[in-house]
């Protein structure tokens, strides 16, 4: 069961994308991955031997890294504001 409800997803895309229907925006996708990464990280703190979830987490981190690299190449000001809002890459 996913911890993200439809309302929470719509709120994330409304905050970081232009509107809640724009699920393809790079900023919205990065924000959604960050939310999932944070949730799974808390799960792994209490379940240290859950290696399949750990593998999935590494895949999500890699996907977010590739999206952030793309955003850096295309729109540097948006990249800087997004990492500041999300609190990643300090």
Protein backbone atom coordinates (compact mmCIF):
# COMPACT_ATOMS: atom_id res chain seq x y z
CA UNK A 1 0.00 0.00 0.00
CA UNK A 2 1.37 3.34 -1.01
CA UNK A 3 1.75 6.02 1.62
CA UNK A 4 0.92 8.72 -0.94
CA UNK A 5 -2.76 9.41 -1.41
CA UNK A 6 -4.18 11.04 -4.52
CA UNK A 7 -4.67 14.30 -2.64
CA UNK A 8 -1.08 14.31 -1.42
CA UNK A 9 0.23 13.64 -4.93
CA UNK A 10 -1.95 16.42 -6.36
CA UNK A 11 -0.67 18.77 -3.68
CA UNK A 12 2.97 17.93 -4.49
CA UNK A 13 2.44 18.53 -8.20
CA UNK A 14 0.51 21.75 -7.50
CA UNK A 15 3.35 22.99 -5.29
CA UNK A 16 6.28 22.07 -7.53
CA UNK A 17 4.69 21.86 -10.99
CA UNK A 18 2.36 24.41 -12.52
CA UNK A 19 -0.83 22.57 -11.49
CA UNK A 20 -1.95 19.20 -10.16
CA UNK A 21 -2.66 17.86 -13.67
CA UNK A 22 0.91 18.49 -14.87
CA UNK A 23 2.41 15.21 -13.66
CA UNK A 24 5.12 15.25 -16.32
CA UNK A 25 6.95 18.31 -15.04
CA UNK A 26 10.52 17.59 -14.05
CA UNK A 27 10.19 19.55 -10.80
CA UNK A 28 7.09 17.58 -9.82
CA UNK A 29 8.72 14.25 -10.62
CA UNK A 30 11.78 15.12 -8.54
CA UNK A 31 9.60 16.24 -5.63
CA UNK A 32 7.58 13.00 -5.82
CA UNK A 33 10.74 10.87 -5.85
CA UNK A 34 12.13 12.85 -2.91
CA UNK A 35 8.95 12.19 -0.93
CA UNK A 36 9.15 8.45 -1.67
CA UNK A 37 12.89 8.35 -0.88
CA UNK A 38 12.33 10.02 2.48
CA UNK A 39 9.53 7.59 3.34
CA UNK A 40 11.55 4.51 2.40
CA UNK A 41 14.60 5.83 4.28
CA UNK A 42 12.60 5.96 7.50
CA UNK A 43 11.37 2.41 6.82
CA UNK A 44 14.93 1.16 6.35
CA UNK A 45 16.08 2.72 9.63
CA UNK A 46 13.87 0.28 11.51
CA UNK A 47 14.21 -2.64 9.05
CA UNK A 48 17.92 -2.85 8.38
CA UNK A 49 17.82 -6.25 6.65
CA UNK A 50 15.17 -5.36 4.05
CA UNK A 51 17.55 -5.64 1.12
CA UNK A 52 14.94 -5.66 -1.65
CA UNK A 53 13.60 -2.31 -0.48
CA UNK A 54 17.15 -1.03 -0.21
CA UNK A 55 17.74 -1.98 -3.84
CA UNK A 56 14.58 -0.16 -4.89
CA UNK A 57 15.69 2.89 -2.93
CA UNK A 58 19.01 2.97 -4.77
CA UNK A 59 17.15 2.86 -8.08
CA UNK A 60 14.97 5.81 -7.04
CA UNK A 61 18.00 7.80 -5.90
CA UNK A 62 19.67 7.16 -9.27
CA UNK A 63 16.54 8.20 -11.17
CA UNK A 64 16.29 11.41 -9.13
CA UNK A 65 19.98 12.11 -9.77
CA UNK A 66 19.50 11.75 -13.54
CA UNK A 67 16.46 14.06 -13.46
CA UNK A 68 18.40 16.64 -11.45
CA UNK A 69 21.27 16.49 -13.95
CA UNK A 70 18.80 17.08 -16.78
CA UNK A 71 17.27 20.03 -14.92
CA UNK A 72 20.75 21.47 -14.36
CA UNK A 73 21.47 21.38 -18.10
CA UNK A 74 18.12 22.86 -19.14
CA UNK A 75 17.12 25.34 -16.40
CA UNK A 76 19.74 26.20 -13.79
CA UNK A 77 17.63 28.73 -11.85
CA UNK A 78 14.80 26.23 -11.48
CA UNK A 79 17.30 23.61 -10.32
CA UNK A 80 18.71 25.90 -7.64
CA UNK A 81 15.29 26.88 -6.31
CA UNK A 82 14.09 23.26 -6.31
CA UNK A 83 17.01 21.87 -4.31
CA UNK A 84 16.60 24.72 -1.84
CA UNK A 85 12.87 23.98 -1.40
CA UNK A 86 13.40 20.23 -1.05
CA UNK A 87 16.49 20.51 1.15
CA UNK A 88 18.68 18.17 -0.91
CA UNK A 89 22.30 18.56 -2.05
CA UNK A 90 23.45 20.90 0.67
